[in-house]
Amino acid sequence: MVQPHPYIQTPPNETIIWRYMNYTKFLSCLLQSSLHFSRFDKLGDPFEGSSHFEQERFIKSQEGEVKRAGNYKNFEKAYVNVKYSMFINCWHMTETESDLMWKAYCPSGDGVAIKSTVKDMVESFRGEKNQVIYIGKVNYIDYEREEIPPGNVFHNFLHKRKYFKSENELRAIAWTYQNEEIKKIYNPLEMKLDKDDPKYFGFYFSVNFQRLLNAVYLSPFSQKWLVDLTRHQLKIAGLDKVPVFSSGLDSRP
């Protein structure tokens, strides 16, 4: 279930959020009634998770929380592996569709955007036992001049370079050591794992799509028949009341 965290800024409940994805991933989420969380190191920006602090300072600032959650004995190892234990689900905060997001995440033309709110996303997670999700907005800084605040392991995963500010990103975060189901099969500090094995690149977390989906939008580059297909797929999933729209960017004056 979603929990508050003193170091994580969750936007107001009424904040409108969008998740852009290709059509195959959308169908996969529907089939499993789940959202996919990608492992942090697979998000694409090599600067993410880094900071100006020396390794020893990072370890010292995180020691208390890391030790409680992961029971680590070797903090050098913790520093190296923490990015391999964070899983992220990314959303875009804005009132309307974004041409930039369509082009960035659905360049092939078969994309889908899920529209929701912060409140509905929070309430959509089913609240399984031993599952902890945090939801927070990303802060954008100049890595050459500004520092990521010390004191908590999540700070490094909610900061990005200022070049990405237009993404206005919201993240749902799951940490391996606070989610028992993941920890059973993926524990990078206590198990001998091949981190390059694609089966460890991400995990699905169950959600209530009836609650999550306010609407579904089809890419402005998609074929018109995808609207009917999407309505059919939603009906099969028991979500026939969810409205489906062609992108407003595809309208004509």
Protein backbone atom coordinates (compact mmCIF):
# COMPACT_ATOMS: atom_id res chain seq x y z
CA MET A 1 0.00 0.00 0.00
CA VAL A 2 1.03 3.62 -0.43
CA GLN A 3 2.59 5.17 2.64
CA PRO A 4 3.67 8.75 3.42
CA HIS A 5 7.34 9.51 3.98
CA PRO A 6 8.78 12.59 5.71
CA TYR A 7 11.39 13.12 2.98
CA ILE A 8 9.12 12.55 -0.01
CA GLN A 9 6.90 15.32 -1.41
CA THR A 10 3.56 13.95 -2.62
CA PRO A 11 1.57 16.48 -4.72
CA PRO A 12 -2.04 17.42 -3.82
CA ASN A 13 -4.70 14.78 -4.37
CA GLU A 14 -6.33 16.62 -7.26
CA THR A 15 -3.12 16.79 -9.32
CA ILE A 16 -3.74 15.35 -12.80
CA ILE A 17 -1.18 12.78 -13.92
CA TRP A 18 -0.48 10.90 -17.15
CA ARG A 19 1.41 7.73 -17.92
CA TYR A 20 2.58 7.29 -21.51
CA MET A 21 3.47 3.87 -22.88
CA ASN A 22 3.43 1.83 -26.06
CA TYR A 23 0.38 -0.27 -26.84
CA THR A 24 2.02 -3.60 -26.05
CA LYS A 25 2.93 -2.47 -22.54
CA PHE A 26 -0.60 -1.12 -22.05
CA LEU A 27 -2.10 -4.52 -22.94
CA SER A 28 0.37 -6.26 -20.64
CA CYS A 29 -0.69 -4.02 -17.74
CA LEU A 30 -4.38 -4.70 -18.46
CA LEU A 31 -3.80 -8.44 -18.66
CA GLN A 32 -2.06 -8.50 -15.29
CA SER A 33 -4.12 -5.72 -13.70
CA SER A 34 -0.81 -4.24 -12.64
CA LEU A 35 1.63 -1.39 -13.18
CA HIS A 36 5.17 -2.13 -14.24
CA PHE A 37 8.01 -0.73 -12.09
CA SER A 38 11.40 -0.50 -13.81
CA ARG A 39 14.64 -1.00 -11.96
CA PHE A 40 16.25 2.36 -11.33
CA ASP A 41 19.41 1.78 -13.35
CA LYS A 42 17.27 1.02 -16.41
CA LEU A 43 15.57 4.44 -16.58
CA GLY A 44 18.05 5.77 -19.12
CA ASP A 45 19.88 8.66 -17.42
CA PRO A 46 23.30 7.56 -16.06
CA PHE A 47 23.38 10.62 -13.76
CA GLU A 48 20.32 9.47 -11.85
CA GLY A 49 21.08 8.26 -8.38
CA SER A 50 24.43 10.03 -8.32
CA SER A 51 25.43 12.98 -6.16
CA HIS A 52 28.33 15.23 -5.31
CA PHE A 53 28.91 13.57 -2.00
CA GLU A 54 31.84 11.30 -1.54
CA GLN A 55 31.02 7.66 -1.07
CA GLU A 56 31.83 7.67 2.66
CA ARG A 57 29.57 10.67 3.29
CA PHE A 58 26.73 9.04 1.38
CA ILE A 59 27.06 5.84 3.38
CA LYS A 60 27.18 7.72 6.67
CA SER A 61 24.08 9.78 5.85
CA GLN A 62 22.08 6.71 4.81
CA GLU A 63 23.37 4.29 7.41
CA GLY A 64 20.44 4.39 9.80
CA GLU A 65 17.64 3.83 7.31
CA VAL A 66 19.57 1.40 5.14
CA LYS A 67 20.53 -0.69 8.15
CA ARG A 68 16.96 -0.84 9.45
CA ALA A 69 15.42 -1.80 6.12
CA GLY A 70 18.11 -4.01 4.62
CA ASN A 71 20.07 -5.29 7.60
CA TYR A 72 23.32 -4.52 5.80
CA LYS A 73 26.67 -5.26 7.33
CA ASN A 74 28.76 -3.81 4.54
CA PHE A 75 27.90 -0.20 3.73
CA GLU A 76 30.36 -0.05 0.86
CA LYS A 77 28.30 -2.78 -0.72
CA ALA A 78 25.12 -0.89 0.11
CA TYR A 79 26.34 2.20 -1.73
CA VAL A 80 27.10 0.23 -4.87
CA ASN A 81 23.90 -1.81 -4.85
CA VAL A 82 21.22 0.60 -3.66
CA LYS A 83 20.33 1.66 -7.22
CA TYR A 84 19.75 -1.98 -8.08
CA SER A 85 17.11 -2.30 -5.36
CA MET A 86 14.87 0.65 -6.30
CA PHE A 87 11.97 0.17 -8.74
CA ILE A 88 10.21 3.12 -10.31
CA ASN A 89 6.91 3.80 -12.10
CA CYS A 90 6.96 7.22 -13.83
CA TRP A 91 4.12 9.67 -14.49
CA HIS A 92 3.86 13.16 -15.99
CA MET A 93 2.07 15.93 -14.08
CA THR A 94 0.09 18.32 -16.28
CA GLU A 95 -3.50 19.41 -16.90
CA THR A 96 -3.53 18.26 -20.54
CA GLU A 97 -1.77 15.93 -22.94
CA SER A 98 1.82 16.69 -23.82
CA ASP A 99 3.16 16.62 -27.37
CA LEU A 100 6.65 16.24 -25.89
CA MET A 101 5.65 13.14 -23.93
CA TRP A 102 3.92 11.55 -26.92
CA LYS A 103 7.05 11.96 -29.03
CA ALA A 104 9.39 10.83 -26.26
CA TYR A 105 7.55 7.72 -25.11
CA CYS A 106 5.43 6.70 -28.08
CA PRO A 107 7.51 7.54 -31.17
CA SER A 108 6.26 4.57 -33.18
CA GLY A 109 2.69 5.88 -33.18
CA ASP A 110 0.99 3.06 -31.25
CA GLY A 111 1.05 4.79 -27.89
CA VAL A 112 -1.43 5.10 -25.06
CA ALA A 113 -1.71 7.66 -22.27
CA ILE A 114 -3.49 6.80 -19.05
CA LYS A 115 -5.05 9.79 -17.30
CA SER A 116 -5.52 9.73 -13.53
CA THR A 117 -5.05 11.83 -10.39
CA VAL A 118 -2.69 11.48 -7.46
CA LYS A 119 -5.59 10.52 -5.20
CA ASP A 120 -6.83 7.82 -7.56
CA MET A 121 -3.37 6.38 -8.01
CA VAL A 122 -2.79 6.25 -4.26
CA GLU A 123 -6.11 4.48 -3.74
CA SER A 124 -5.61 2.10 -6.66
CA PHE A 125 -2.83 0.10 -5.02
CA ARG A 126 -4.49 -2.90 -3.48
CA GLY A 127 -2.72 -2.78 -0.14
CA GLU A 128 -1.13 -6.22 -0.14
CA LYS A 129 0.63 -7.16 3.04
CA ASN A 130 4.36 -6.50 3.11
CA GLN A 131 4.09 -4.06 0.19
CA VAL A 132 5.20 -0.45 0.57
CA ILE A 133 4.89 2.16 -2.20
CA TYR A 134 5.94 5.80 -1.97
CA ILE A 135 4.72 8.51 -4.34
CA GLY A 136 6.72 11.68 -4.79
CA LYS A 137 7.54 14.41 -7.26
CA VAL A 138 10.97 14.73 -8.85
CA ASN A 139 13.13 17.78 -8.11
CA TYR A 140 15.33 19.18 -10.88
CA ILE A 141 18.71 20.66 -10.03
CA ASP A 142 21.99 21.78 -11.56
CA TYR A 143 24.36 18.95 -10.67
CA GLU A 144 27.34 21.27 -11.12
CA ARG A 145 26.15 23.86 -8.62
CA GLU A 146 23.55 22.24 -6.39
CA GLU A 147 23.68 19.30 -4.03
CA ILE A 148 21.22 16.51 -3.46
CA PRO A 149 20.24 16.75 0.23
CA PRO A 150 21.87 14.16 2.50
CA GLY A 151 20.06 12.25 5.21
CA ASN A 152 17.79 9.84 3.39
CA VAL A 153 18.18 7.11 0.82
CA PHE A 154 15.26 8.36 -1.30
CA HIS A 155 16.70 11.82 -2.02
CA ASN A 156 18.99 10.45 -4.72
CA PHE A 157 16.09 8.83 -6.50
CA LEU A 158 13.87 11.90 -6.57
CA HIS A 159 16.37 14.30 -8.15
CA LYS A 160 17.25 14.71 -11.82
CA ARG A 161 19.29 17.09 -13.91
CA LYS A 162 17.54 20.34 -14.76
CA TYR A 163 17.59 19.41 -18.47
CA PHE A 164 14.67 17.08 -17.76
CA LYS A 165 12.52 19.68 -16.01
CA SER A 166 9.93 19.64 -18.80
CA GLU A 167 9.06 16.08 -17.79
CA ASN A 168 7.50 17.39 -14.54
CA GLU A 169 7.74 13.86 -13.26
CA LEU A 170 5.93 12.02 -10.50
CA ARG A 171 7.33 8.72 -9.31
CA ALA A 172 5.90 5.73 -7.54
CA ILE A 173 8.81 4.00 -5.79
CA ALA A 174 9.17 0.49 -4.44
CA TRP A 175 12.29 -0.51 -2.51
CA THR A 176 13.20 -4.19 -2.56
CA TYR A 177 13.87 -4.32 1.17
CA GLN A 178 10.41 -3.01 2.06
CA ASN A 179 8.56 -5.39 -0.28
CA GLU A 180 8.73 -8.98 0.84
CA GLU A 181 7.43 -10.54 -2.39
CA ILE A 182 10.23 -8.96 -4.41
CA LYS A 183 12.81 -9.64 -1.74
CA LYS A 184 12.07 -13.37 -1.90
CA ILE A 185 13.20 -13.57 -5.52
CA TYR A 186 15.42 -10.53 -5.90
CA ASN A 187 17.81 -9.53 -3.14
CA PRO A 188 20.97 -8.13 -4.79
CA LEU A 189 22.93 -8.02 -1.53
CA GLU A 190 22.21 -11.49 -0.23
CA MET A 191 21.64 -13.53 -3.38
CA LYS A 192 23.98 -14.37 -6.24
CA LEU A 193 22.05 -12.77 -9.07
CA ASP A 194 22.81 -11.82 -12.63
CA LYS A 195 21.69 -8.19 -12.63
CA ASP A 196 21.85 -8.21 -16.43
CA ASP A 197 19.16 -10.87 -16.62
CA PRO A 198 16.07 -9.11 -18.09
CA LYS A 199 13.75 -10.86 -15.63
CA TYR A 200 15.21 -8.60 -12.93
CA PHE A 201 14.78 -5.36 -14.89
CA GLY A 202 11.34 -4.73 -13.41
CA PHE A 203 8.33 -6.07 -11.53
CA TYR A 204 4.55 -5.68 -11.70
CA PHE A 205 2.53 -4.33 -8.79
CA SER A 206 -1.18 -5.07 -8.61
CA VAL A 207 -3.56 -2.11 -8.89
CA ASN A 208 -7.30 -1.53 -9.14
CA PHE A 209 -7.72 -0.18 -12.67
CA GLN A 210 -11.34 0.71 -11.97
CA ARG A 211 -9.96 3.26 -9.55
CA LEU A 212 -6.84 4.26 -11.45
CA LEU A 213 -8.15 4.90 -14.95
CA ASN A 214 -9.95 8.21 -15.38
CA ALA A 215 -9.56 7.98 -19.15
CA VAL A 216 -7.39 6.46 -21.87
CA TYR A 217 -6.04 8.52 -24.76
CA LEU A 218 -4.62 7.22 -28.04
CA SER A 219 -1.53 8.74 -29.59
CA PRO A 220 -2.04 11.43 -32.24
CA PHE A 221 0.10 9.24 -34.49
CA SER A 222 -2.01 6.09 -34.05
CA GLN A 223 -4.44 4.50 -36.48
CA LYS A 224 -8.10 5.37 -35.94
CA TRP A 225 -9.17 1.74 -35.54
CA LEU A 226 -7.13 1.55 -32.31
CA VAL A 227 -9.87 3.48 -30.53
CA ASP A 228 -12.40 0.67 -31.08
CA LEU A 229 -9.80 -1.98 -30.29
CA THR A 230 -8.93 -0.25 -27.02
CA ARG A 231 -12.59 -0.04 -25.99
CA HIS A 232 -12.89 -3.74 -26.74
CA GLN A 233 -9.81 -4.57 -24.64
CA LEU A 234 -11.11 -2.51 -21.75
CA LYS A 235 -14.47 -4.26 -21.95
CA ILE A 236 -12.75 -7.66 -21.76
CA ALA A 237 -10.93 -6.41 -18.65
CA GLY A 238 -14.23 -5.30 -17.08
CA LEU A 239 -13.39 -1.63 -17.63
CA ASP A 240 -15.99 -0.76 -20.27
CA LYS A 241 -16.99 2.42 -18.39
CA VAL A 242 -13.52 3.94 -18.83
CA PRO A 243 -13.74 6.57 -21.60
CA VAL A 244 -11.39 6.26 -24.58
CA PHE A 245 -10.40 9.26 -26.67
CA SER A 246 -8.27 10.04 -29.67
CA SER A 247 -5.60 12.57 -28.80
CA GLY A 248 -6.72 16.16 -28.77
CA LEU A 249 -3.54 16.92 -30.71
CA ASP A 250 -5.06 15.08 -33.65
CA SER A 251 -8.04 17.41 -33.93
CA ARG A 252 -8.39 19.80 -36.87
CA PRO A 253 -9.27 23.52 -36.82
